[in-house]
PDB file of N, CA and C in Angstrom:
ATOM      1  N   MET A   1     -39.363  29.114  -8.848  1.00  0.00           N
ATOM      2  CA  MET A   1     -40.067  28.309  -9.830  1.00  0.00           C
ATOM      3  C   MET A   1     -39.723  26.839  -9.629  1.00  0.00           C
ATOM      4  N   GLU A   2     -40.734  25.997  -9.612  1.00  0.00           N
ATOM      5  CA  GLU A   2     -40.536  24.561  -9.405  1.00  0.00           C
ATOM      6  C   GLU A   2     -40.001  23.904 -10.675  1.00  0.00           C
ATOM      7  N   LYS A   3     -39.004  23.031 -10.506  1.00  0.00           N
ATOM      8  CA  LYS A   3     -38.410  22.326 -11.636  1.00  0.00           C
ATOM      9  C   LYS A   3     -39.318  21.185 -12.074  1.00  0.00           C
ATOM     10  N   LEU A   4     -39.591  21.082 -13.379  1.00  0.00           N
ATOM     11  CA  LEU A   4     -40.443  20.021 -13.903  1.00  0.00           C
ATOM     12  C   LEU A   4     -39.637  18.760 -14.152  1.00  0.00           C
ATOM     13  N   PRO A   5     -40.266  17.580 -14.097  1.00  0.00           N
ATOM     14  CA  PRO A   5     -39.555  16.326 -14.358  1.00  0.00           C
ATOM     15  C   PRO A   5     -39.048  16.245 -15.794  1.00  0.00           C
ATOM     16  N   LYS A   6     -37.968  15.536 -15.972  1.00  0.00           N
ATOM     17  CA  LYS A   6     -37.389  15.300 -17.293  1.00  0.00           C
ATOM     18  C   LYS A   6     -38.184  14.206 -18.001  1.00  0.00           C
ATOM     19  N   ILE A   7     -38.621  14.435 -19.230  1.00  0.00           N
ATOM     20  CA  ILE A   7     -39.386  13.446 -19.985  1.00  0.00           C
ATOM     21  C   ILE A   7     -38.405  12.563 -20.750  1.00  0.00           C
ATOM     22  N   ILE A   8     -38.383  11.284 -20.432  1.00  0.00           N
ATOM     23  CA  ILE A   8     -37.456  10.335 -21.033  1.00  0.00           C
ATOM     24  C   ILE A   8     -38.020   9.743 -22.317  1.00  0.00           C
ATOM     25  N   GLN A   9     -39.286   9.360 -22.293  1.00  0.00           N
ATOM     26  CA  GLN A   9     -39.894   8.694 -23.435  1.00  0.00           C
ATOM     27  C   GLN A   9     -41.368   9.063 -23.497  1.00  0.00           C
ATOM     28  N   LYS A  10     -41.875   9.380 -24.678  1.00  0.00           N
ATOM     29  CA  LYS A  10     -43.270   9.775 -24.826  1.00  0.00           C
ATOM     30  C   LYS A  10     -44.144   8.658 -25.366  1.00  0.00           C
ATOM     31  N   SER A  11     -43.610   7.454 -25.450  1.00  0.00           N
ATOM     32  CA  SER A  11     -44.384   6.296 -25.901  1.00  0.00           C
ATOM     33  C   SER A  11     -44.339   5.232 -24.808  1.00  0.00           C
ATOM     34  N   PRO A  12     -45.229   4.260 -24.852  1.00  0.00           N
ATOM     35  CA  PRO A  12     -45.268   3.238 -23.801  1.00  0.00           C
ATOM     36  C   PRO A  12     -44.020   2.369 -23.779  1.00  0.00           C
ATOM     37  N   TYR A  13     -43.665   1.909 -22.592  1.00  0.00           N
ATOM     38  CA  TYR A  13     -42.627   0.899 -22.439  1.00  0.00           C
ATOM     39  C   TYR A  13     -43.307  -0.458 -22.562  1.00  0.00           C
ATOM     40  N   ILE A  14     -42.752  -1.354 -23.341  1.00  0.00           N
ATOM     41  CA  ILE A  14     -43.274  -2.715 -23.436  1.00  0.00           C
ATOM     42  C   ILE A  14     -42.255  -3.625 -22.766  1.00  0.00           C
ATOM     43  N   VAL A  15     -42.685  -4.274 -21.680  1.00  0.00           N
ATOM     44  CA  VAL A  15     -41.776  -5.070 -20.867  1.00  0.00           C
ATOM     45  C   VAL A  15     -42.378  -6.449 -20.638  1.00  0.00           C
ATOM     46  N   ASP A  16     -41.624  -7.492 -20.932  1.00  0.00           N
ATOM     47  CA  ASP A  16     -42.027  -8.859 -20.626  1.00  0.00           C
ATOM     48  C   ASP A  16     -41.408  -9.196 -19.277  1.00  0.00           C
ATOM     49  N   GLU A  17     -42.236  -9.364 -18.256  1.00  0.00           N
ATOM     50  CA  GLU A  17     -41.699  -9.538 -16.915  1.00  0.00           C
ATOM     51  C   GLU A  17     -42.497 -10.514 -16.073  1.00  0.00           C
ATOM     52  N   LYS A  18     -41.909 -10.896 -14.956  1.00  0.00           N
ATOM     53  CA  LYS A  18     -42.569 -11.781 -14.000  1.00  0.00           C
ATOM     54  C   LYS A  18     -43.400 -10.946 -13.035  1.00  0.00           C
ATOM     55  N   ALA A  19     -44.402 -11.578 -12.445  1.00  0.00           N
ATOM     56  CA  ALA A  19     -45.245 -10.900 -11.459  1.00  0.00           C
ATOM     57  C   ALA A  19     -44.418 -10.538 -10.231  1.00  0.00           C
ATOM     58  N   GLY A  20     -44.771  -9.444  -9.588  1.00  0.00           N
ATOM     59  CA  GLY A  20     -44.073  -9.017  -8.378  1.00  0.00           C
ATOM     60  C   GLY A  20     -44.250  -7.530  -8.165  1.00  0.00           C
ATOM     61  N   LYS A  21     -43.773  -7.044  -7.042  1.00  0.00           N
ATOM     62  CA  LYS A  21     -43.898  -5.641  -6.687  1.00  0.00           C
ATOM     63  C   LYS A  21     -42.775  -4.847  -7.345  1.00  0.00           C
ATOM     64  N   LYS A  22     -43.142  -3.754  -8.016  1.00  0.00           N
ATOM     65  CA  LYS A  22     -42.175  -2.914  -8.722  1.00  0.00           C
ATOM     66  C   LYS A  22     -42.561  -1.454  -8.555  1.00  0.00           C
ATOM     67  N   ALA A  23     -41.575  -0.574  -8.608  1.00  0.00           N
ATOM     68  CA  ALA A  23     -41.829   0.863  -8.532  1.00  0.00           C
ATOM     69  C   ALA A  23     -41.441   1.504  -9.856  1.00  0.00           C
ATOM     70  N   PHE A  24     -42.389   2.185 -10.486  1.00  0.00           N
ATOM     71  CA  PHE A  24     -42.110   2.879 -11.735  1.00  0.00           C
ATOM     72  C   PHE A  24     -41.559   4.260 -11.423  1.00  0.00           C
ATOM     73  N   PHE A  25     -40.608   4.727 -12.231  1.00  0.00           N
ATOM     74  CA  PHE A  25     -40.006   6.032 -11.994  1.00  0.00           C
ATOM     75  C   PHE A  25     -40.934   7.134 -12.496  1.00  0.00           C
ATOM     76  N   THR A  26     -40.864   8.291 -11.865  1.00  0.00           N
ATOM     77  CA  THR A  26     -41.622   9.448 -12.323  1.00  0.00           C
ATOM     78  C   THR A  26     -40.747  10.690 -12.400  1.00  0.00           C
ATOM     79  N   CYS A  27     -39.505  10.586 -11.935  1.00  0.00           N
ATOM     80  CA  CYS A  27     -38.630  11.768 -11.920  1.00  0.00           C
ATOM     81  C   CYS A  27     -37.885  11.963 -13.231  1.00  0.00           C
ATOM     82  N   GLY A  28     -37.750  10.905 -14.039  1.00  0.00           N
ATOM     83  CA  GLY A  28     -37.024  11.008 -15.293  1.00  0.00           C
ATOM     84  C   GLY A  28     -35.530  10.808 -15.172  1.00  0.00           C
ATOM     85  N   LEU A  29     -35.040  10.412 -14.014  1.00  0.00           N
ATOM     86  CA  LEU A  29     -33.601  10.277 -13.797  1.00  0.00           C
ATOM     87  C   LEU A  29     -33.108   8.837 -13.698  1.00  0.00           C
ATOM     88  N   SER A  30     -33.997   7.880 -13.603  1.00  0.00           N
ATOM     89  CA  SER A  30     -33.611   6.489 -13.395  1.00  0.00           C
ATOM     90  C   SER A  30     -32.803   5.930 -14.561  1.00  0.00           C
ATOM     91  N   SER A  31     -31.802   5.126 -14.237  1.00  0.00           N
ATOM     92  CA  SER A  31     -31.026   4.446 -15.282  1.00  0.00           C
ATOM     93  C   SER A  31     -31.602   3.062 -15.556  1.00  0.00           C
ATOM     94  N   LYS A  32     -32.661   2.693 -14.821  1.00  0.00           N
ATOM     95  CA  LYS A  32     -33.315   1.391 -14.999  1.00  0.00           C
ATOM     96  C   LYS A  32     -34.732   1.573 -15.544  1.00  0.00           C
ATOM     97  N   ASN A  33     -34.919   2.513 -16.456  1.00  0.00           N
ATOM     98  CA  ASN A  33     -36.247   2.799 -17.015  1.00  0.00           C
ATOM     99  C   ASN A  33     -36.948   1.534 -17.475  1.00  0.00           C
ATOM    100  N   PRO A  34     -38.214   1.342 -17.184  1.00  0.00           N
ATOM    101  CA  PRO A  34     -39.143   2.281 -16.568  1.00  0.00           C
ATOM    102  C   PRO A  34     -39.240   2.146 -15.053  1.00  0.00           C
ATOM    103  N   TYR A  35     -38.253   1.543 -14.403  1.00  0.00           N
ATOM    104  CA  TYR A  35     -38.314   1.319 -12.963  1.00  0.00           C
ATOM    105  C   TYR A  35     -37.475   2.332 -12.186  1.00  0.00           C
ATOM    106  N   CYS A  36     -37.869   2.560 -10.966  1.00  0.00           N
ATOM    107  CA  CYS A  36     -37.166   3.483 -10.087  1.00  0.00           C
ATOM    108  C   CYS A  36     -35.865   2.846  -9.599  1.00  0.00           C
ATOM    109  N   ASP A  37     -34.782   3.622  -9.594  1.00  0.00           N
ATOM    110  CA  ASP A  37     -33.520   3.142  -9.026  1.00  0.00           C
ATOM    111  C   ASP A  37     -33.056   4.031  -7.874  1.00  0.00           C
ATOM    112  N   GLY A  38     -33.910   4.947  -7.422  1.00  0.00           N
ATOM    113  CA  GLY A  38     -33.583   5.812  -6.292  1.00  0.00           C
ATOM    114  C   GLY A  38     -32.873   7.104  -6.671  1.00  0.00           C
ATOM    115  N   SER A  39     -32.681   7.364  -7.966  1.00  0.00           N
ATOM    116  CA  SER A  39     -31.971   8.572  -8.408  1.00  0.00           C
ATOM    117  C   SER A  39     -32.630   9.859  -7.924  1.00  0.00           C
ATOM    118  N   HIS A  40     -33.923   9.822  -7.699  1.00  0.00           N
ATOM    119  CA  HIS A  40     -34.669  11.017  -7.286  1.00  0.00           C
ATOM    120  C   HIS A  40     -34.299  11.501  -5.892  1.00  0.00           C
ATOM    121  N   LYS A  41     -33.729  10.639  -5.083  1.00  0.00           N
ATOM    122  CA  LYS A  41     -33.474  10.974  -3.675  1.00  0.00           C
ATOM    123  C   LYS A  41     -32.551  12.177  -3.494  1.00  0.00           C
ATOM    124  N   VAL A  42     -31.627  12.413  -4.406  1.00  0.00           N
ATOM    125  CA  VAL A  42     -30.701  13.538  -4.291  1.00  0.00           C
ATOM    126  C   VAL A  42     -31.262  14.833  -4.869  1.00  0.00           C
ATOM    127  N   THR A  43     -32.432  14.770  -5.511  1.00  0.00           N
ATOM    128  CA  THR A  43     -33.006  15.946  -6.172  1.00  0.00           C
ATOM    129  C   THR A  43     -34.077  16.636  -5.348  1.00  0.00           C
ATOM    130  N   GLY A  44     -34.670  15.962  -4.388  1.00  0.00           N
ATOM    131  CA  GLY A  44     -35.776  16.530  -3.640  1.00  0.00           C
ATOM    132  C   GLY A  44     -37.109  16.309  -4.332  1.00  0.00           C
ATOM    133  N   PHE A  45     -37.124  15.617  -5.468  1.00  0.00           N
ATOM    134  CA  PHE A  45     -38.361  15.317  -6.186  1.00  0.00           C
ATOM    135  C   PHE A  45     -39.206  14.342  -5.383  1.00  0.00           C
ATOM    136  N   HIS A  46     -40.503  14.623  -5.268  1.00  0.00           N
ATOM    137  CA  HIS A  46     -41.416  13.725  -4.592  1.00  0.00           C
ATOM    138  C   HIS A  46     -42.833  13.938  -5.122  1.00  0.00           C
ATOM    139  N   LEU A  47     -43.659  12.926  -4.988  1.00  0.00           N
ATOM    140  CA  LEU A  47     -45.055  13.030  -5.402  1.00  0.00           C
ATOM    141  C   LEU A  47     -45.874  13.629  -4.276  1.00  0.00           C
ATOM    142  N   LYS A  48     -46.889  14.353  -4.637  1.00  0.00           N
ATOM    143  CA  LYS A  48     -47.773  14.952  -3.618  1.00  0.00           C
ATOM    144  C   LYS A  48     -48.991  14.109  -3.424  1.00  0.00           C
TER     145      LYS A  48
END
């Protein structure tokens, strides 16, 4: 059975930020929510 992602927050993140390239997390493990910090790399989680 495939493991489902952990749901961190069910409401929108409101972020005041500068323009630039950013990666949003989808695995639910990032400590820099809503951005990816690479935590998924040890889990085998990936998008299809």
